[in-house]
Amino acid sequence: RKALEQVGLLDEDYFMYGEDIDLSCRLLNAGW
């Protein structure tokens, strides 16, 4: 959760597919 609080939740522009890739990359970009 600490990581989610830093980078934000799933991007709701995605209806289905791609949101996991997007969140994974945001975590990496934030240093996780």
PDB file of all heavy atoms in Angstrom:
ATOM      1  N   ARG A   1       0.823  -1.206   0.000  1.00  0.00           N
ATOM      2  CA  ARG A   1       0.000   0.000   0.000  1.00  0.00           C
ATOM      3  C   ARG A   1       0.864   1.267   0.000  1.00  0.00           C
ATOM      4  O   ARG A   1       0.514   2.260  -0.641  1.00  0.00           O
ATOM      5  CB  ARG A   1      -0.954   0.023   1.192  1.00  0.00           C
ATOM      6  CG  ARG A   1      -1.896   1.233   1.176  1.00  0.00           C
ATOM      7  CD  ARG A   1      -2.888   1.189   2.305  1.00  0.00           C
ATOM      8  NE  ARG A   1      -3.794   0.055   2.172  1.00  0.00           N
ATOM      9  CZ  ARG A   1      -4.922   0.086   1.451  1.00  0.00           C
ATOM     10  NH1 ARG A   1      -5.250   1.180   0.798  1.00  0.00           N
ATOM     11  NH2 ARG A   1      -5.687  -0.975   1.377  1.00  0.00           N
ATOM     12  N   LYS A   2       1.970   1.226   0.713  1.00  0.00           N
ATOM     13  CA  LYS A   2       2.849   2.383   0.751  1.00  0.00           C
ATOM     14  C   LYS A   2       3.289   2.773  -0.656  1.00  0.00           C
ATOM     15  O   LYS A   2       3.405   3.965  -0.987  1.00  0.00           O
ATOM     16  CB  LYS A   2       4.075   2.071   1.627  1.00  0.00           C
ATOM     17  CG  LYS A   2       5.042   3.226   1.782  1.00  0.00           C
ATOM     18  CD  LYS A   2       6.211   2.828   2.682  1.00  0.00           C
ATOM     19  CE  LYS A   2       7.229   3.960   2.814  1.00  0.00           C
ATOM     20  NZ  LYS A   2       8.382   3.545   3.669  1.00  0.00           N
ATOM     21  N   ALA A   3       3.534   1.768  -1.493  1.00  0.00           N
ATOM     22  CA  ALA A   3       3.919   2.036  -2.878  1.00  0.00           C
ATOM     23  C   ALA A   3       2.751   2.620  -3.661  1.00  0.00           C
ATOM     24  O   ALA A   3       2.921   3.556  -4.457  1.00  0.00           O
ATOM     25  CB  ALA A   3       4.414   0.748  -3.532  1.00  0.00           C
ATOM     26  N   LEU A   4       1.552   2.078  -3.445  1.00  0.00           N
ATOM     27  CA  LEU A   4       0.368   2.617  -4.111  1.00  0.00           C
ATOM     28  C   LEU A   4       0.122   4.063  -3.728  1.00  0.00           C
ATOM     29  O   LEU A   4      -0.265   4.896  -4.565  1.00  0.00           O
ATOM     30  CB  LEU A   4      -0.871   1.780  -3.762  1.00  0.00           C
ATOM     31  CG  LEU A   4      -1.047   0.445  -4.470  1.00  0.00           C
ATOM     32  CD1 LEU A   4      -2.276  -0.269  -3.928  1.00  0.00           C
ATOM     33  CD2 LEU A   4      -1.185   0.645  -5.985  1.00  0.00           C
ATOM     34  N   GLU A   5       0.316   4.367  -2.474  1.00  0.00           N
ATOM     35  CA  GLU A   5       0.102   5.738  -2.013  1.00  0.00           C
ATOM     36  C   GLU A   5       1.090   6.698  -2.672  1.00  0.00           C
ATOM     37  O   GLU A   5       0.775   7.870  -2.872  1.00  0.00           O
ATOM     38  CB  GLU A   5       0.233   5.794  -0.491  1.00  0.00           C
ATOM     39  CG  GLU A   5      -0.927   5.116   0.234  1.00  0.00           C
ATOM     40  CD  GLU A   5      -0.714   5.029   1.735  1.00  0.00           C
ATOM     41  OE1 GLU A   5       0.443   5.267   2.192  1.00  0.00           O
ATOM     42  OE2 GLU A   5      -1.686   4.719   2.455  1.00  0.00           O
ATOM     43  N   GLN A   6       2.257   6.189  -3.016  1.00  0.00           N
ATOM     44  CA  GLN A   6       3.251   7.041  -3.662  1.00  0.00           C
ATOM     45  C   GLN A   6       2.952   7.248  -5.144  1.00  0.00           C
ATOM     46  O   GLN A   6       3.038   8.380  -5.645  1.00  0.00           O
ATOM     47  CB  GLN A   6       4.649   6.445  -3.503  1.00  0.00           C
ATOM     48  CG  GLN A   6       5.736   7.286  -4.166  1.00  0.00           C
ATOM     49  CD  GLN A   6       7.111   6.669  -4.033  1.00  0.00           C
ATOM     50  OE1 GLN A   6       7.311   5.683  -3.328  1.00  0.00           O
ATOM     51  NE2 GLN A   6       8.091   7.256  -4.703  1.00  0.00           N
ATOM     52  N   VAL A   7       2.610   6.161  -5.859  1.00  0.00           N
ATOM     53  CA  VAL A   7       2.486   6.262  -7.325  1.00  0.00           C
ATOM     54  C   VAL A   7       1.052   6.425  -7.804  1.00  0.00           C
ATOM     55  O   VAL A   7       0.815   6.768  -8.959  1.00  0.00           O
ATOM     56  CB  VAL A   7       3.118   5.026  -8.015  1.00  0.00           C
ATOM     57  CG1 VAL A   7       4.550   4.835  -7.550  1.00  0.00           C
ATOM     58  CG2 VAL A   7       2.299   3.761  -7.776  1.00  0.00           C
ATOM     59  N   GLY A   8       0.080   6.189  -6.931  1.00  0.00           N
ATOM     60  CA  GLY A   8      -1.316   6.276  -7.324  1.00  0.00           C
ATOM     61  C   GLY A   8      -1.903   4.923  -7.671  1.00  0.00           C
ATOM     62  O   GLY A   8      -1.182   3.926  -7.842  1.00  0.00           O
ATOM     63  N   LEU A   9      -3.215   4.874  -7.777  1.00  0.00           N
ATOM     64  CA  LEU A   9      -3.919   3.618  -8.052  1.00  0.00           C
ATOM     65  C   LEU A   9      -3.875   3.280  -9.540  1.00  0.00           C
ATOM     66  O   LEU A   9      -3.163   3.918 -10.319  1.00  0.00           O
ATOM     67  CB  LEU A   9      -5.358   3.725  -7.552  1.00  0.00           C
ATOM     68  CG  LEU A   9      -5.538   4.119  -6.081  1.00  0.00           C
ATOM     69  CD1 LEU A   9      -7.004   4.046  -5.686  1.00  0.00           C
ATOM     70  CD2 LEU A   9      -4.692   3.251  -5.163  1.00  0.00           C
ATOM     71  N   LEU A  10      -4.626   2.273  -9.924  1.00  0.00           N
ATOM     72  CA  LEU A  10      -4.704   1.890 -11.335  1.00  0.00           C
ATOM     73  C   LEU A  10      -5.256   3.052 -12.166  1.00  0.00           C
ATOM     74  O   LEU A  10      -6.153   3.774 -11.726  1.00  0.00           O
ATOM     75  CB  LEU A  10      -5.599   0.669 -11.507  1.00  0.00           C
ATOM     76  CG  LEU A  10      -5.122  -0.625 -10.847  1.00  0.00           C
ATOM     77  CD1 LEU A  10      -6.221  -1.664 -10.886  1.00  0.00           C
ATOM     78  CD2 LEU A  10      -3.870  -1.155 -11.515  1.00  0.00           C
ATOM     79  N   ASP A  11      -4.712   3.227 -13.354  1.00  0.00           N
ATOM     80  CA  ASP A  11      -5.153   4.292 -14.252  1.00  0.00           C
ATOM     81  C   ASP A  11      -6.507   3.910 -14.842  1.00  0.00           C
ATOM     82  O   ASP A  11      -6.628   2.924 -15.576  1.00  0.00           O
ATOM     83  CB  ASP A  11      -4.120   4.479 -15.360  1.00  0.00           C
ATOM     84  CG  ASP A  11      -4.430   5.673 -16.257  1.00  0.00           C
ATOM     85  OD1 ASP A  11      -5.599   6.098 -16.326  1.00  0.00           O
ATOM     86  OD2 ASP A  11      -3.491   6.175 -16.906  1.00  0.00           O
ATOM     87  N   GLU A  12      -7.533   4.694 -14.544  1.00  0.00           N
ATOM     88  CA  GLU A  12      -8.894   4.355 -14.949  1.00  0.00           C
ATOM     89  C   GLU A  12      -9.191   4.691 -16.408  1.00  0.00           C
ATOM     90  O   GLU A  12     -10.319   4.476 -16.873  1.00  0.00           O
ATOM     91  CB  GLU A  12      -9.888   5.020 -14.001  1.00  0.00           C
ATOM     92  CG  GLU A  12      -9.757   4.490 -12.578  1.00  0.00           C
ATOM     93  CD  GLU A  12     -10.786   5.064 -11.607  1.00  0.00           C
ATOM     94  OE1 GLU A  12     -11.671   5.844 -12.057  1.00  0.00           O
ATOM     95  OE2 GLU A  12     -10.703   4.737 -10.409  1.00  0.00           O
ATOM     96  N   ASP A  13      -8.206   5.212 -17.134  1.00  0.00           N
ATOM     97  CA  ASP A  13      -8.374   5.354 -18.586  1.00  0.00           C
ATOM     98  C   ASP A  13      -8.446   3.987 -19.254  1.00  0.00           C
ATOM     99  O   ASP A  13      -9.027   3.837 -20.328  1.00  0.00           O
ATOM    100  CB  ASP A  13      -7.211   6.147 -19.189  1.00  0.00           C
ATOM    101  CG  ASP A  13      -7.312   7.637 -18.905  1.00  0.00           C
ATOM    102  OD1 ASP A  13      -8.402   8.090 -18.507  1.00  0.00           O
ATOM    103  OD2 ASP A  13      -6.302   8.340 -19.070  1.00  0.00           O
ATOM    104  N   TYR A  14      -7.838   2.977 -18.606  1.00  0.00           N
ATOM    105  CA  TYR A  14      -7.900   1.606 -19.118  1.00  0.00           C
ATOM    106  C   TYR A  14      -9.186   0.965 -18.624  1.00  0.00           C
ATOM    107  O   TYR A  14      -9.471   0.978 -17.429  1.00  0.00           O
ATOM    108  CB  TYR A  14      -6.725   0.774 -18.602  1.00  0.00           C
ATOM    109  CG  TYR A  14      -5.355   1.277 -18.988  1.00  0.00           C
ATOM    110  CD1 TYR A  14      -4.663   2.147 -18.156  1.00  0.00           C
ATOM    111  CD2 TYR A  14      -4.744   0.856 -20.165  1.00  0.00           C
ATOM    112  CE1 TYR A  14      -3.392   2.600 -18.482  1.00  0.00           C
ATOM    113  CE2 TYR A  14      -3.463   1.304 -20.497  1.00  0.00           C
ATOM    114  CZ  TYR A  14      -2.801   2.176 -19.658  1.00  0.00           C
ATOM    115  OH  TYR A  14      -1.552   2.619 -19.984  1.00  0.00           O
ATOM    116  N   PHE A  15      -9.946   0.372 -19.527  1.00  0.00           N
ATOM    117  CA  PHE A  15     -11.138  -0.374 -19.112  1.00  0.00           C
ATOM    118  C   PHE A  15     -10.733  -1.773 -18.657  1.00  0.00           C
ATOM    119  O   PHE A  15     -11.161  -2.261 -17.614  1.00  0.00           O
ATOM    120  CB  PHE A  15     -12.139  -0.464 -20.267  1.00  0.00           C
ATOM    121  CG  PHE A  15     -13.403  -1.198 -19.904  1.00  0.00           C
ATOM    122  CD1 PHE A  15     -14.428  -0.555 -19.227  1.00  0.00           C
ATOM    123  CD2 PHE A  15     -13.565  -2.538 -20.235  1.00  0.00           C
ATOM    124  CE1 PHE A  15     -15.592  -1.227 -18.874  1.00  0.00           C
ATOM    125  CE2 PHE A  15     -14.724  -3.219 -19.887  1.00  0.00           C
ATOM    126  CZ  PHE A  15     -15.736  -2.556 -19.208  1.00  0.00           C
ATOM    127  N   MET A  16      -9.907  -2.398 -19.456  1.00  0.00           N
ATOM    128  CA  MET A  16      -9.416  -3.740 -19.159  1.00  0.00           C
ATOM    129  C   MET A  16      -8.186  -3.970 -20.040  1.00  0.00           C
ATOM    130  O   MET A  16      -8.189  -3.564 -21.208  1.00  0.00           O
ATOM    131  CB  MET A  16     -10.497  -4.790 -19.459  1.00  0.00           C
ATOM    132  CG  MET A  16     -10.147  -6.206 -19.053  1.00  0.00           C
ATOM    133  SD  MET A  16     -11.597  -7.314 -19.092  1.00  0.00           S
ATOM    134  CE  MET A  16     -12.128  -7.144 -20.796  1.00  0.00           C
ATOM    135  N   TYR A  17      -7.160  -4.571 -19.475  1.00  0.00           N
ATOM    136  CA  TYR A  17      -5.872  -4.811 -20.130  1.00  0.00           C
ATOM    137  C   TYR A  17      -5.014  -3.539 -20.098  1.00  0.00           C
ATOM    138  O   TYR A  17      -5.503  -2.442 -20.345  1.00  0.00           O
ATOM    139  CB  TYR A  17      -6.020  -5.296 -21.582  1.00  0.00           C
ATOM    140  CG  TYR A  17      -6.938  -6.467 -21.731  1.00  0.00           C
ATOM    141  CD1 TYR A  17      -8.124  -6.352 -22.451  1.00  0.00           C
ATOM    142  CD2 TYR A  17      -6.648  -7.686 -21.137  1.00  0.00           C
ATOM    143  CE1 TYR A  17      -8.989  -7.429 -22.575  1.00  0.00           C
ATOM    144  CE2 TYR A  17      -7.508  -8.764 -21.253  1.00  0.00           C
ATOM    145  CZ  TYR A  17      -8.684  -8.619 -21.967  1.00  0.00           C
ATOM    146  OH  TYR A  17      -9.536  -9.678 -22.085  1.00  0.00           O
ATOM    147  N   GLY A  18      -3.747  -3.723 -19.810  1.00  0.00           N
ATOM    148  CA  GLY A  18      -2.787  -2.627 -19.841  1.00  0.00           C
ATOM    149  C   GLY A  18      -2.579  -1.915 -18.524  1.00  0.00           C
ATOM    150  O   GLY A  18      -1.505  -1.351 -18.282  1.00  0.00           O
ATOM    151  N   GLU A  19      -3.593  -1.951 -17.642  1.00  0.00           N
ATOM    152  CA  GLU A  19      -3.450  -1.221 -16.377  1.00  0.00           C
ATOM    153  C   GLU A  19      -2.389  -1.836 -15.473  1.00  0.00           C
ATOM    154  O   GLU A  19      -1.731  -1.137 -14.698  1.00  0.00           O
ATOM    155  CB  GLU A  19      -4.791  -1.120 -15.637  1.00  0.00           C
ATOM    156  CG  GLU A  19      -5.439  -2.437 -15.273  1.00  0.00           C
ATOM    157  CD  GLU A  19      -6.129  -3.119 -16.428  1.00  0.00           C
ATOM    158  OE1 GLU A  19      -7.136  -2.594 -16.943  1.00  0.00           O
ATOM    159  OE2 GLU A  19      -5.661  -4.209 -16.810  1.00  0.00           O
ATOM    160  N   ASP A  20      -2.204  -3.146 -15.565  1.00  0.00           N
ATOM    161  CA  ASP A  20      -1.159  -3.787 -14.764  1.00  0.00           C
ATOM    162  C   ASP A  20       0.233  -3.401 -15.259  1.00  0.00           C
ATOM    163  O   ASP A  20       1.148  -3.172 -14.456  1.00  0.00           O
ATOM    164  CB  ASP A  20      -1.326  -5.315 -14.758  1.00  0.00           C
ATOM    165  CG  ASP A  20      -1.456  -5.929 -16.147  1.00  0.00           C
ATOM    166  OD1 ASP A  20      -1.553  -5.168 -17.143  1.00  0.00           O
ATOM    167  OD2 ASP A  20      -1.466  -7.165 -16.251  1.00  0.00           O
ATOM    168  N   ILE A  21       0.396  -3.295 -16.579  1.00  0.00           N
ATOM    169  CA  ILE A  21       1.670  -2.864 -17.142  1.00  0.00           C
ATOM    170  C   ILE A  21       1.957  -1.423 -16.726  1.00  0.00           C
ATOM    171  O   ILE A  21       3.058  -1.083 -16.297  1.00  0.00           O
ATOM    172  CB  ILE A  21       1.653  -2.983 -18.681  1.00  0.00           C
ATOM    173  CG1 ILE A  21       1.387  -4.430 -19.099  1.00  0.00           C
ATOM    174  CG2 ILE A  21       2.970  -2.486 -19.270  1.00  0.00           C
ATOM    175  CD1 ILE A  21       1.204  -4.601 -20.600  1.00  0.00           C
ATOM    176  N   ASP A  22       0.946  -0.590 -16.842  1.00  0.00           N
ATOM    177  CA  ASP A  22       1.088   0.823 -16.497  1.00  0.00           C
ATOM    178  C   ASP A  22       1.498   0.997 -15.032  1.00  0.00           C
ATOM    179  O   ASP A  22       2.435   1.730 -14.714  1.00  0.00           O
ATOM    180  CB  ASP A  22      -0.235   1.538 -16.769  1.00  0.00           C
ATOM    181  CG  ASP A  22      -0.190   3.010 -16.401  1.00  0.00           C
ATOM    182  OD1 ASP A  22       0.231   3.810 -17.239  1.00  0.00           O
ATOM    183  OD2 ASP A  22      -0.579   3.353 -15.263  1.00  0.00           O
ATOM    184  N   LEU A  23       0.810   0.299 -14.117  1.00  0.00           N
ATOM    185  CA  LEU A  23       1.126   0.416 -12.694  1.00  0.00           C
ATOM    186  C   LEU A  23       2.518  -0.137 -12.405  1.00  0.00           C
ATOM    187  O   LEU A  23       3.279   0.449 -11.624  1.00  0.00           O
ATOM    188  CB  LEU A  23       0.079  -0.313 -11.853  1.00  0.00           C
ATOM    189  CG  LEU A  23       0.296  -0.301 -10.335  1.00  0.00           C
ATOM    190  CD1 LEU A  23       0.432   1.126  -9.805  1.00  0.00           C
ATOM    191  CD2 LEU A  23      -0.844  -1.032  -9.623  1.00  0.00           C
ATOM    192  N   SER A  24       2.871  -1.253 -13.018  1.00  0.00           N
ATOM    193  CA  SER A  24       4.204  -1.830 -12.823  1.00  0.00           C
ATOM    194  C   SER A  24       5.293  -0.836 -13.218  1.00  0.00           C
ATOM    195  O   SER A  24       6.284  -0.662 -12.499  1.00  0.00           O
ATOM    196  CB  SER A  24       4.359  -3.105 -13.655  1.00  0.00           C
ATOM    197  OG  SER A  24       3.477  -4.123 -13.230  1.00  0.00           O
ATOM    198  N   CYS A  25       5.102  -0.169 -14.347  1.00  0.00           N
ATOM    199  CA  CYS A  25       6.107   0.782 -14.819  1.00  0.00           C
ATOM    200  C   CYS A  25       6.182   2.011 -13.922  1.00  0.00           C
ATOM    201  O   CYS A  25       7.272   2.546 -13.672  1.00  0.00           O
ATOM    202  CB  CYS A  25       5.803   1.186 -16.261  1.00  0.00           C
ATOM    203  SG  CYS A  25       6.055  -0.149 -17.453  1.00  0.00           S
ATOM    204  N   ARG A  26       5.045   2.453 -13.403  1.00  0.00           N
ATOM    205  CA  ARG A  26       5.058   3.593 -12.487  1.00  0.00           C
ATOM    206  C   ARG A  26       5.784   3.249 -11.189  1.00  0.00           C
ATOM    207  O   ARG A  26       6.474   4.086 -10.604  1.00  0.00           O
ATOM    208  CB  ARG A  26       3.633   4.073 -12.209  1.00  0.00           C
ATOM    209  CG  ARG A  26       3.026   4.847 -13.376  1.00  0.00           C
ATOM    210  CD  ARG A  26       1.714   5.490 -12.999  1.00  0.00           C
ATOM    211  NE  ARG A  26       0.613   4.558 -13.010  1.00  0.00           N
ATOM    212  CZ  ARG A  26      -0.251   4.397 -12.024  1.00  0.00           C
ATOM    213  NH1 ARG A  26      -0.117   5.086 -10.900  1.00  0.00           N
ATOM    214  NH2 ARG A  26      -1.246   3.530 -12.123  1.00  0.00           N
ATOM    215  N   LEU A  27       5.624   2.010 -10.735  1.00  0.00           N
ATOM    216  CA  LEU A  27       6.357   1.567  -9.545  1.00  0.00           C
ATOM    217  C   LEU A  27       7.863   1.584  -9.802  1.00  0.00           C
ATOM    218  O   LEU A  27       8.645   2.071  -8.977  1.00  0.00           O
ATOM    219  CB  LEU A  27       5.904   0.164  -9.138  1.00  0.00           C
ATOM    220  CG  LEU A  27       4.506   0.049  -8.526  1.00  0.00           C
ATOM    221  CD1 LEU A  27       4.075  -1.416  -8.441  1.00  0.00           C
ATOM    222  CD2 LEU A  27       4.461   0.681  -7.132  1.00  0.00           C
ATOM    223  N   LEU A  28       8.272   1.060 -10.949  1.00  0.00           N
ATOM    224  CA  LEU A  28       9.692   1.062 -11.291  1.00  0.00           C
ATOM    225  C   LEU A  28      10.228   2.487 -11.400  1.00  0.00           C
ATOM    226  O   LEU A  28      11.319   2.795 -10.906  1.00  0.00           O
ATOM    227  CB  LEU A  28       9.917   0.318 -12.604  1.00  0.00           C
ATOM    228  CG  LEU A  28       9.655  -1.191 -12.613  1.00  0.00           C
ATOM    229  CD1 LEU A  28       9.843  -1.737 -14.024  1.00  0.00           C
ATOM    230  CD2 LEU A  28      10.571  -1.916 -11.643  1.00  0.00           C
ATOM    231  N   ASN A  29       9.467   3.353 -12.037  1.00  0.00           N
ATOM    232  CA  ASN A  29       9.906   4.734 -12.216  1.00  0.00           C
ATOM    233  C   ASN A  29      10.067   5.455 -10.878  1.00  0.00           C
ATOM    234  O   ASN A  29      10.874   6.386 -10.760  1.00  0.00           O
ATOM    235  CB  ASN A  29       8.914   5.501 -13.088  1.00  0.00           C
ATOM    236  CG  ASN A  29       8.886   5.010 -14.521  1.00  0.00           C
ATOM    237  OD1 ASN A  29       9.806   4.328 -14.977  1.00  0.00           O
ATOM    238  ND2 ASN A  29       7.828   5.332 -15.246  1.00  0.00           N
ATOM    239  N   ALA A  30       9.303   5.025  -9.874  1.00  0.00           N
ATOM    240  CA  ALA A  30       9.382   5.650  -8.548  1.00  0.00           C
ATOM    241  C   ALA A  30      10.465   5.022  -7.673  1.00  0.00           C
ATOM    242  O   ALA A  30      10.639   5.438  -6.520  1.00  0.00           O
ATOM    243  CB  ALA A  30       8.023   5.550  -7.853  1.00  0.00           C
ATOM    244  N   GLY A  31      11.187   4.042  -8.205  1.00  0.00           N
ATOM    245  CA  GLY A  31      12.295   3.445  -7.463  1.00  0.00           C
ATOM    246  C   GLY A  31      11.981   2.149  -6.750  1.00  0.00           C
ATOM    247  O   GLY A  31      12.847   1.577  -6.073  1.00  0.00           O
ATOM    248  N   TRP A  32      10.758   1.636  -6.884  1.00  0.00           N
ATOM    249  CA  TRP A  32      10.405   0.354  -6.284  1.00  0.00           C
ATOM    250  C   TRP A  32      10.896  -0.785  -7.173  1.00  0.00           C
ATOM    251  O   TRP A  32      11.122  -0.608  -8.366  1.00  0.00           O
ATOM    252  CB  TRP A  32       8.894   0.244  -6.099  1.00  0.00           C
ATOM    253  CG  TRP A  32       8.340   1.212  -5.098  1.00  0.00           C
ATOM    254  CD1 TRP A  32       7.795   2.436  -5.363  1.00  0.00           C
ATOM    255  CD2 TRP A  32       8.281   1.050  -3.679  1.00  0.00           C
ATOM    256  NE1 TRP A  32       7.402   3.047  -4.196  1.00  0.00           N
ATOM    257  CE2 TRP A  32       7.690   2.217  -3.145  1.00  0.00           C
ATOM    258  CE3 TRP A  32       8.675   0.032  -2.800  1.00  0.00           C
ATOM    259  CZ2 TRP A  32       7.483   2.391  -1.786  1.00  0.00           C
ATOM    260  CZ3 TRP A  32       8.476   0.197  -1.443  1.00  0.00           C
ATOM    261  CH2 TRP A  32       7.886   1.368  -0.939  1.00  0.00           C
TER     262      TRP A  32
END
